[in-house]
């Protein structure tokens, strides 16, 4: 029966959490958070990919840095998804859902030079900051202070990752 309900049009009404934000705010902010979550999962997997496939003379330092970055990025995922649910929305449900929403590009290359890995992750973290700012503006427009506050912390963390990667890549 549960499986049947999940396939019924409009069955997400069973998942609606009461909120004072209003239906437009719930719809728009939850959609914004779903996009962020897709980007965060994409950045997490790319960071781990580069962590696993790092090589070269700075292997240890870069390997450990990307492991730290991956942990920090992954820590965002549950908070983002649960925030969407707290405001009465839903969130991503699958890898194909992520693929349909992500704006950060995958990297499936067999080999990537370590400096190119770091430069790509620098750009991806900058892109994530831009997306975070966009959703923050959306939250501000609906007076969703709690989501905006969470996003501010993620912006700071993402800017720090971007800064570290930038400094490493400087010639």
C-alpha atoms as a PDB file:
ATOM      1  CA  UNK A   1       0.000   0.000   0.000  1.00  0.00           C
ATOM      2  CA  UNK A   2       2.826   2.423   0.855  1.00  0.00           C
ATOM      3  CA  UNK A   3       4.459   1.779  -2.491  1.00  0.00           C
ATOM      4  CA  UNK A   4       1.146   2.512  -4.209  1.00  0.00           C
ATOM      5  CA  UNK A   5       0.742   5.803  -2.343  1.00  0.00           C
ATOM      6  CA  UNK A   6       4.210   6.991  -3.374  1.00  0.00           C
ATOM      7  CA  UNK A   7       3.278   6.529  -7.028  1.00  0.00           C
ATOM      8  CA  UNK A   8      -0.011   8.406  -6.728  1.00  0.00           C
ATOM      9  CA  UNK A   9      -0.048  11.947  -8.074  1.00  0.00           C
ATOM     10  CA  UNK A  10       0.013  14.426  -5.231  1.00  0.00           C
ATOM     11  CA  UNK A  11       1.072  11.829  -2.689  1.00  0.00           C
ATOM     12  CA  UNK A  12       3.652  14.285  -1.343  1.00  0.00           C
ATOM     13  CA  UNK A  13       0.733  15.841   0.536  1.00  0.00           C
ATOM     14  CA  UNK A  14       1.365  13.119   3.126  1.00  0.00           C
ATOM     15  CA  UNK A  15       4.831  14.611   3.677  1.00  0.00           C
ATOM     16  CA  UNK A  16       3.830  18.251   4.172  1.00  0.00           C
ATOM     17  CA  UNK A  17       5.039  19.692   7.451  1.00  0.00           C
ATOM     18  CA  UNK A  18       3.021  22.630   8.805  1.00  0.00           C
ATOM     19  CA  UNK A  19       4.866  25.943   8.490  1.00  0.00           C
ATOM     20  CA  UNK A  20       4.021  29.624   8.580  1.00  0.00           C
ATOM     21  CA  UNK A  21       6.070  30.362   5.455  1.00  0.00           C
ATOM     22  CA  UNK A  22       3.234  29.867   2.986  1.00  0.00           C
ATOM     23  CA  UNK A  23       2.904  27.551   0.020  1.00  0.00           C
ATOM     24  CA  UNK A  24       4.881  29.726  -2.436  1.00  0.00           C
ATOM     25  CA  UNK A  25       7.785  30.012  -0.001  1.00  0.00           C
ATOM     26  CA  UNK A  26       7.727  26.292   0.718  1.00  0.00           C
ATOM     27  CA  UNK A  27       7.672  25.435  -2.983  1.00  0.00           C
ATOM     28  CA  UNK A  28      10.404  27.884  -4.002  1.00  0.00           C
ATOM     29  CA  UNK A  29      12.765  27.404  -1.080  1.00  0.00           C
ATOM     30  CA  UNK A  30      12.441  23.609  -1.127  1.00  0.00           C
ATOM     31  CA  UNK A  31      13.249  23.667  -4.860  1.00  0.00           C
ATOM     32  CA  UNK A  32      16.242  25.901  -4.194  1.00  0.00           C
ATOM     33  CA  UNK A  33      17.442  23.575  -1.454  1.00  0.00           C
ATOM     34  CA  UNK A  34      17.006  20.538  -3.725  1.00  0.00           C
ATOM     35  CA  UNK A  35      19.231  22.200  -6.331  1.00  0.00           C
ATOM     36  CA  UNK A  36      21.805  23.002  -3.668  1.00  0.00           C
ATOM     37  CA  UNK A  37      21.667  19.445  -2.383  1.00  0.00           C
ATOM     38  CA  UNK A  38      22.268  18.078  -5.878  1.00  0.00           C
ATOM     39  CA  UNK A  39      25.273  20.382  -6.277  1.00  0.00           C
ATOM     40  CA  UNK A  40      26.616  19.474  -2.842  1.00  0.00           C
ATOM     41  CA  UNK A  41      26.378  15.740  -3.563  1.00  0.00           C
ATOM     42  CA  UNK A  42      28.074  16.306  -6.930  1.00  0.00           C
ATOM     43  CA  UNK A  43      30.869  18.344  -5.330  1.00  0.00           C
ATOM     44  CA  UNK A  44      31.244  15.751  -2.569  1.00  0.00           C
ATOM     45  CA  UNK A  45      31.634  12.884  -5.031  1.00  0.00           C
ATOM     46  CA  UNK A  46      34.040  14.861  -7.235  1.00  0.00           C
ATOM     47  CA  UNK A  47      36.116  15.837  -4.193  1.00  0.00           C
ATOM     48  CA  UNK A  48      36.275  12.194  -3.083  1.00  0.00           C
ATOM     49  CA  UNK A  49      37.074  11.089  -6.656  1.00  0.00           C
ATOM     50  CA  UNK A  50      40.040  13.460  -6.728  1.00  0.00           C
ATOM     51  CA  UNK A  51      41.019  12.416  -3.182  1.00  0.00           C
ATOM     52  CA  UNK A  52      41.058   8.752  -4.251  1.00  0.00           C
ATOM     53  CA  UNK A  53      42.938   9.426  -7.488  1.00  0.00           C
ATOM     54  CA  UNK A  54      45.468  11.994  -6.258  1.00  0.00           C
ATOM     55  CA  UNK A  55      49.080  11.344  -7.203  1.00  0.00           C
ATOM     56  CA  UNK A  56      52.404  13.135  -7.326  1.00  0.00           C
ATOM     57  CA  UNK A  57      54.928  14.749  -5.004  1.00  0.00           C
ATOM     58  CA  UNK A  58      52.312  16.534  -2.841  1.00  0.00           C
ATOM     59  CA  UNK A  59      50.129  13.450  -2.591  1.00  0.00           C
ATOM     60  CA  UNK A  60      49.867  13.296   1.197  1.00  0.00           C
ATOM     61  CA  UNK A  61      49.005  16.968   1.695  1.00  0.00           C
ATOM     62  CA  UNK A  62      46.471  17.079  -1.147  1.00  0.00           C
ATOM     63  CA  UNK A  63      44.986  13.688  -0.265  1.00  0.00           C
ATOM     64  CA  UNK A  64      44.396  14.793   3.336  1.00  0.00           C
ATOM     65  CA  UNK A  65      43.103  18.232   2.312  1.00  0.00           C
ATOM     66  CA  UNK A  66      40.523  16.735  -0.034  1.00  0.00           C
ATOM     67  CA  UNK A  67      39.501  14.215   2.609  1.00  0.00           C
ATOM     68  CA  UNK A  68      38.827  17.111   5.012  1.00  0.00           C
ATOM     69  CA  UNK A  69      36.945  18.996   2.299  1.00  0.00           C
ATOM     70  CA  UNK A  70      34.872  15.916   1.493  1.00  0.00           C
ATOM     71  CA  UNK A  71      33.894  15.479   5.136  1.00  0.00           C
ATOM     72  CA  UNK A  72      32.873  19.124   5.378  1.00  0.00           C
ATOM     73  CA  UNK A  73      30.831  18.979   2.176  1.00  0.00           C
ATOM     74  CA  UNK A  74      29.102  15.722   3.129  1.00  0.00           C
ATOM     75  CA  UNK A  75      28.139  17.208   6.500  1.00  0.00           C
ATOM     76  CA  UNK A  76      25.954  19.712   4.646  1.00  0.00           C
ATOM     77  CA  UNK A  77      23.777  17.096   2.947  1.00  0.00           C
ATOM     78  CA  UNK A  78      21.555  15.964   5.792  1.00  0.00           C
ATOM     79  CA  UNK A  79      21.068  19.504   7.086  1.00  0.00           C
ATOM     80  CA  UNK A  80      19.976  20.742   3.645  1.00  0.00           C
ATOM     81  CA  UNK A  81      17.529  17.864   3.115  1.00  0.00           C
ATOM     82  CA  UNK A  82      16.066  18.113   6.594  1.00  0.00           C
ATOM     83  CA  UNK A  83      15.646  21.875   6.272  1.00  0.00           C
ATOM     84  CA  UNK A  84      13.514  21.341   3.159  1.00  0.00           C
ATOM     85  CA  UNK A  85      11.347  18.917   5.130  1.00  0.00           C
ATOM     86  CA  UNK A  86      11.090  21.255   8.140  1.00  0.00           C
ATOM     87  CA  UNK A  87       9.577  23.978   5.983  1.00  0.00           C
ATOM     88  CA  UNK A  88       7.018  21.612   4.486  1.00  0.00           C
ATOM     89  CA  UNK A  89       8.789  20.647   1.269  1.00  0.00           C
ATOM     90  CA  UNK A  90      10.367  17.506  -0.069  1.00  0.00           C
ATOM     91  CA  UNK A  91      13.880  16.858  -1.280  1.00  0.00           C
ATOM     92  CA  UNK A  92      15.860  14.725  -3.717  1.00  0.00           C
ATOM     93  CA  UNK A  93      15.171  11.024  -3.863  1.00  0.00           C
ATOM     94  CA  UNK A  94      17.750   9.397  -6.154  1.00  0.00           C
ATOM     95  CA  UNK A  95      20.928   9.625  -8.181  1.00  0.00           C
ATOM     96  CA  UNK A  96      18.859  10.402 -11.290  1.00  0.00           C
ATOM     97  CA  UNK A  97      17.141  13.197  -9.357  1.00  0.00           C
ATOM     98  CA  UNK A  98      20.574  14.622  -8.497  1.00  0.00           C
ATOM     99  CA  UNK A  99      21.681  14.314 -12.135  1.00  0.00           C
ATOM    100  CA  UNK A 100      18.616  16.208 -13.294  1.00  0.00           C
ATOM    101  CA  UNK A 101      19.221  19.101 -10.902  1.00  0.00           C
ATOM    102  CA  UNK A 102      23.002  19.452 -10.606  1.00  0.00           C
ATOM    103  CA  UNK A 103      24.746  22.510 -12.006  1.00  0.00           C
ATOM    104  CA  UNK A 104      28.263  21.497 -10.969  1.00  0.00           C
ATOM    105  CA  UNK A 105      29.691  19.255 -13.670  1.00  0.00           C
ATOM    106  CA  UNK A 106      30.946  15.710 -13.158  1.00  0.00           C
ATOM    107  CA  UNK A 107      34.494  14.701 -14.045  1.00  0.00           C
ATOM    108  CA  UNK A 108      34.768  11.137 -15.329  1.00  0.00           C
ATOM    109  CA  UNK A 109      38.269  11.428 -16.810  1.00  0.00           C
ATOM    110  CA  UNK A 110      40.567   8.452 -16.334  1.00  0.00           C
ATOM    111  CA  UNK A 111      43.392  10.757 -15.238  1.00  0.00           C
ATOM    112  CA  UNK A 112      43.423  14.364 -14.070  1.00  0.00           C
ATOM    113  CA  UNK A 113      46.638  16.191 -13.209  1.00  0.00           C
ATOM    114  CA  UNK A 114      46.720  17.111  -9.500  1.00  0.00           C
ATOM    115  CA  UNK A 115      46.910  20.847 -10.204  1.00  0.00           C
ATOM    116  CA  UNK A 116      43.973  20.549 -12.595  1.00  0.00           C
ATOM    117  CA  UNK A 117      42.011  18.691  -9.910  1.00  0.00           C
ATOM    118  CA  UNK A 118      42.598  21.464  -7.411  1.00  0.00           C
ATOM    119  CA  UNK A 119      41.826  24.205  -9.940  1.00  0.00           C
ATOM    120  CA  UNK A 120      38.583  22.476 -10.926  1.00  0.00           C
ATOM    121  CA  UNK A 121      37.527  22.100  -7.305  1.00  0.00           C
ATOM    122  CA  UNK A 122      38.360  25.772  -6.730  1.00  0.00           C
ATOM    123  CA  UNK A 123      35.978  26.730  -9.539  1.00  0.00           C
ATOM    124  CA  UNK A 124      33.312  24.325  -8.302  1.00  0.00           C
ATOM    125  CA  UNK A 125      33.438  25.737  -4.769  1.00  0.00           C
ATOM    126  CA  UNK A 126      33.119  29.257  -6.199  1.00  0.00           C
ATOM    127  CA  UNK A 127      30.109  28.097  -8.205  1.00  0.00           C
ATOM    128  CA  UNK A 128      28.585  26.590  -5.069  1.00  0.00           C
ATOM    129  CA  UNK A 129      29.032  29.921  -3.271  1.00  0.00           C
ATOM    130  CA  UNK A 130      27.151  31.668  -6.090  1.00  0.00           C
ATOM    131  CA  UNK A 131      24.294  29.155  -5.849  1.00  0.00           C
ATOM    132  CA  UNK A 132      24.223  29.487  -2.056  1.00  0.00           C
ATOM    133  CA  UNK A 133      23.948  33.274  -2.389  1.00  0.00           C
ATOM    134  CA  UNK A 134      21.097  32.891  -4.880  1.00  0.00           C
ATOM    135  CA  UNK A 135      19.112  30.680  -2.506  1.00  0.00           C
ATOM    136  CA  UNK A 136      19.953  33.021   0.389  1.00  0.00           C
ATOM    137  CA  UNK A 137      18.359  35.899  -1.560  1.00  0.00           C
ATOM    138  CA  UNK A 138      15.300  33.719  -2.141  1.00  0.00           C
ATOM    139  CA  UNK A 139      15.081  32.971   1.583  1.00  0.00           C
ATOM    140  CA  UNK A 140      15.393  36.683   2.360  1.00  0.00           C
ATOM    141  CA  UNK A 141      12.522  37.453   0.001  1.00  0.00           C
ATOM    142  CA  UNK A 142      10.286  35.082   2.008  1.00  0.00           C
ATOM    143  CA  UNK A 143      11.706  36.049   5.437  1.00  0.00           C
ATOM    144  CA  UNK A 144      13.021  32.518   6.004  1.00  0.00           C
ATOM    145  CA  UNK A 145      15.654  33.539   8.519  1.00  0.00           C
ATOM    146  CA  UNK A 146      16.514  30.011   9.673  1.00  0.00           C
ATOM    147  CA  UNK A 147      17.402  28.718   6.195  1.00  0.00           C
ATOM    148  CA  UNK A 148      19.276  31.928   5.390  1.00  0.00           C
ATOM    149  CA  UNK A 149      21.283  31.548   8.600  1.00  0.00           C
ATOM    150  CA  UNK A 150      22.326  27.996   7.694  1.00  0.00           C
ATOM    151  CA  UNK A 151      23.310  29.151   4.216  1.00  0.00           C
ATOM    152  CA  UNK A 152      25.529  31.891   5.652  1.00  0.00           C
ATOM    153  CA  UNK A 153      27.612  29.264   7.443  1.00  0.00           C
ATOM    154  CA  UNK A 154      27.883  27.174   4.280  1.00  0.00           C
ATOM    155  CA  UNK A 155      28.991  30.212   2.294  1.00  0.00           C
ATOM    156  CA  UNK A 156      31.772  30.822   4.799  1.00  0.00           C
ATOM    157  CA  UNK A 157      32.883  27.171   4.687  1.00  0.00           C
ATOM    158  CA  UNK A 158      32.777  27.100   0.881  1.00  0.00           C
ATOM    159  CA  UNK A 159      34.721  30.350   0.612  1.00  0.00           C
ATOM    160  CA  UNK A 160      37.364  28.886   2.922  1.00  0.00           C
ATOM    161  CA  UNK A 161      37.696  25.775   0.746  1.00  0.00           C
ATOM    162  CA  UNK A 162      37.882  27.981  -2.338  1.00  0.00           C
ATOM    163  CA  UNK A 163      40.554  30.153  -0.719  1.00  0.00           C
ATOM    164  CA  UNK A 164      42.720  27.175   0.236  1.00  0.00           C
ATOM    165  CA  UNK A 165      42.444  25.710  -3.259  1.00  0.00           C
ATOM    166  CA  UNK A 166      43.220  29.078  -4.864  1.00  0.00           C
ATOM    167  CA  UNK A 167      46.350  29.551  -2.754  1.00  0.00           C
ATOM    168  CA  UNK A 168      47.587  26.050  -3.579  1.00  0.00           C
ATOM    169  CA  UNK A 169      47.067  26.649  -7.311  1.00  0.00           C
ATOM    170  CA  UNK A 170      48.929  29.980  -7.437  1.00  0.00           C
ATOM    171  CA  UNK A 171      52.049  29.819  -9.541  1.00  0.00           C
END
